[in-house]
Amino acid sequence: MPNAFDPYREALVVEQQTVWPDTYEDWPAADKQRVEALLHASPSEAAELDYVRQHTGFARVITVTSADLDRVSVA
């Protein structure tokens, strides 16, 4: 179950990860990188956000959804 945006954990993010569903496997790498940058630039708006505890802080994990793609495609 994804977590809600957490300013405390956000301040301790040391790694960013993006999970792409299989339906987007044929997307060009450049398009994926552009979308990932936009999603991680505003993590509070991500539909599926999770924080994974690490030794040095947290990894922010965003799972891409169609709602996210709709939101950043206007950007």
C-alpha atoms as a PDB file:
ATOM      1  CA  MET A   1       0.000   0.000   0.000  1.00  0.00           C
ATOM      2  CA  PRO A   2       1.507   3.342  -1.030  1.00  0.00           C
ATOM      3  CA  ASN A   3       2.272   5.957   1.571  1.00  0.00           C
ATOM      4  CA  ALA A   4       1.078   9.512   1.522  1.00  0.00           C
ATOM      5  CA  PHE A   5       3.545  12.316   0.846  1.00  0.00           C
ATOM      6  CA  ASP A   6       5.642  12.828   3.981  1.00  0.00           C
ATOM      7  CA  PRO A   7       7.737  16.021   4.287  1.00  0.00           C
ATOM      8  CA  TYR A   8       9.933  14.435   6.992  1.00  0.00           C
ATOM      9  CA  ARG A   9      10.844  11.402   4.860  1.00  0.00           C
ATOM     10  CA  GLU A  10      11.083  13.610   1.787  1.00  0.00           C
ATOM     11  CA  ALA A  11      13.851  15.610   3.459  1.00  0.00           C
ATOM     12  CA  LEU A  12      15.769  12.344   3.922  1.00  0.00           C
ATOM     13  CA  VAL A  13      15.393  10.996   0.356  1.00  0.00           C
ATOM     14  CA  VAL A  14      18.772   9.816  -0.956  1.00  0.00           C
ATOM     15  CA  GLU A  15      17.566   7.788  -3.934  1.00  0.00           C
ATOM     16  CA  GLN A  16      14.765   8.023  -6.494  1.00  0.00           C
ATOM     17  CA  GLN A  17      13.228   4.984  -8.154  1.00  0.00           C
ATOM     18  CA  THR A  18      10.484   4.726 -10.739  1.00  0.00           C
ATOM     19  CA  VAL A  19       8.431   1.601 -11.375  1.00  0.00           C
ATOM     20  CA  TRP A  20       6.959   1.325 -14.873  1.00  0.00           C
ATOM     21  CA  PRO A  21       4.062  -1.069 -15.564  1.00  0.00           C
ATOM     22  CA  ASP A  22       4.652  -3.579 -18.371  1.00  0.00           C
ATOM     23  CA  THR A  23       2.228  -1.707 -20.635  1.00  0.00           C
ATOM     24  CA  TYR A  24       4.864   1.018 -21.082  1.00  0.00           C
ATOM     25  CA  GLU A  25       7.821  -1.259 -21.823  1.00  0.00           C
ATOM     26  CA  ASP A  26       7.921  -0.160 -25.475  1.00  0.00           C
ATOM     27  CA  TRP A  27       8.309   3.539 -24.610  1.00  0.00           C
ATOM     28  CA  PRO A  28      11.636   5.100 -25.651  1.00  0.00           C
ATOM     29  CA  ALA A  29      14.130   5.607 -22.822  1.00  0.00           C
ATOM     30  CA  ALA A  30      14.246   9.364 -23.449  1.00  0.00           C
ATOM     31  CA  ASP A  31      10.480   9.669 -22.947  1.00  0.00           C
ATOM     32  CA  LYS A  32      10.634   7.624 -19.747  1.00  0.00           C
ATOM     33  CA  GLN A  33      13.464   9.779 -18.386  1.00  0.00           C
ATOM     34  CA  ARG A  34      11.517  12.975 -19.114  1.00  0.00           C
ATOM     35  CA  VAL A  35       8.407  11.632 -17.346  1.00  0.00           C
ATOM     36  CA  GLU A  36      10.455  10.353 -14.401  1.00  0.00           C
ATOM     37  CA  ALA A  37      12.056  13.766 -13.938  1.00  0.00           C
ATOM     38  CA  LEU A  38       8.646  15.456 -13.949  1.00  0.00           C
ATOM     39  CA  LEU A  39       7.163  12.935 -11.498  1.00  0.00           C
ATOM     40  CA  HIS A  40      10.040  13.192  -9.039  1.00  0.00           C
ATOM     41  CA  ALA A  41      10.006  16.989  -9.289  1.00  0.00           C
ATOM     42  CA  SER A  42       6.560  17.006  -7.651  1.00  0.00           C
ATOM     43  CA  PRO A  43       6.286  13.782  -5.622  1.00  0.00           C
ATOM     44  CA  SER A  44       3.359  15.081  -3.573  1.00  0.00           C
ATOM     45  CA  GLU A  45       1.189  14.822  -6.695  1.00  0.00           C
ATOM     46  CA  ALA A  46       2.143  11.221  -7.564  1.00  0.00           C
ATOM     47  CA  ALA A  47      -0.723   8.741  -7.492  1.00  0.00           C
ATOM     48  CA  GLU A  48       1.406   5.900  -6.059  1.00  0.00           C
ATOM     49  CA  LEU A  49       4.230   7.041  -3.818  1.00  0.00           C
ATOM     50  CA  ASP A  50       6.190   4.909  -1.402  1.00  0.00           C
ATOM     51  CA  TYR A  51       9.231   5.434   0.817  1.00  0.00           C
ATOM     52  CA  VAL A  52      11.680   2.597   1.393  1.00  0.00           C
ATOM     53  CA  ARG A  53      13.923   2.847   4.434  1.00  0.00           C
ATOM     54  CA  GLN A  54      17.638   2.579   3.734  1.00  0.00           C
ATOM     55  CA  HIS A  55      20.687   2.837   5.964  1.00  0.00           C
ATOM     56  CA  THR A  56      21.371   6.409   4.905  1.00  0.00           C
ATOM     57  CA  GLY A  57      17.809   7.696   4.491  1.00  0.00           C
ATOM     58  CA  PHE A  58      14.878   6.823   2.245  1.00  0.00           C
ATOM     59  CA  ALA A  59      14.356   5.842  -1.363  1.00  0.00           C
ATOM     60  CA  ARG A  60      11.375   7.533  -2.978  1.00  0.00           C
ATOM     61  CA  VAL A  61       9.550   5.024  -5.181  1.00  0.00           C
ATOM     62  CA  ILE A  62       6.942   6.276  -7.620  1.00  0.00           C
ATOM     63  CA  THR A  63       4.878   3.766  -9.564  1.00  0.00           C
ATOM     64  CA  VAL A  64       3.757   5.311 -12.837  1.00  0.00           C
ATOM     65  CA  THR A  65      -0.002   5.377 -13.405  1.00  0.00           C
ATOM     66  CA  SER A  66      -2.100   6.632 -16.298  1.00  0.00           C
ATOM     67  CA  ALA A  67      -3.254   9.504 -14.055  1.00  0.00           C
ATOM     68  CA  ASP A  68       0.377  10.551 -13.599  1.00  0.00           C
ATOM     69  CA  LEU A  69       0.977  10.434 -17.337  1.00  0.00           C
ATOM     70  CA  ASP A  70      -2.122  12.543 -17.971  1.00  0.00           C
ATOM     71  CA  ARG A  71      -0.934  15.095 -15.405  1.00  0.00           C
ATOM     72  CA  VAL A  72       2.637  15.471 -16.693  1.00  0.00           C
ATOM     73  CA  SER A  73       1.722  15.339 -20.379  1.00  0.00           C
ATOM     74  CA  VAL A  74       0.317  18.849 -20.050  1.00  0.00           C
ATOM     75  CA  ALA A  75       3.562  20.031 -18.474  1.00  0.00           C
END
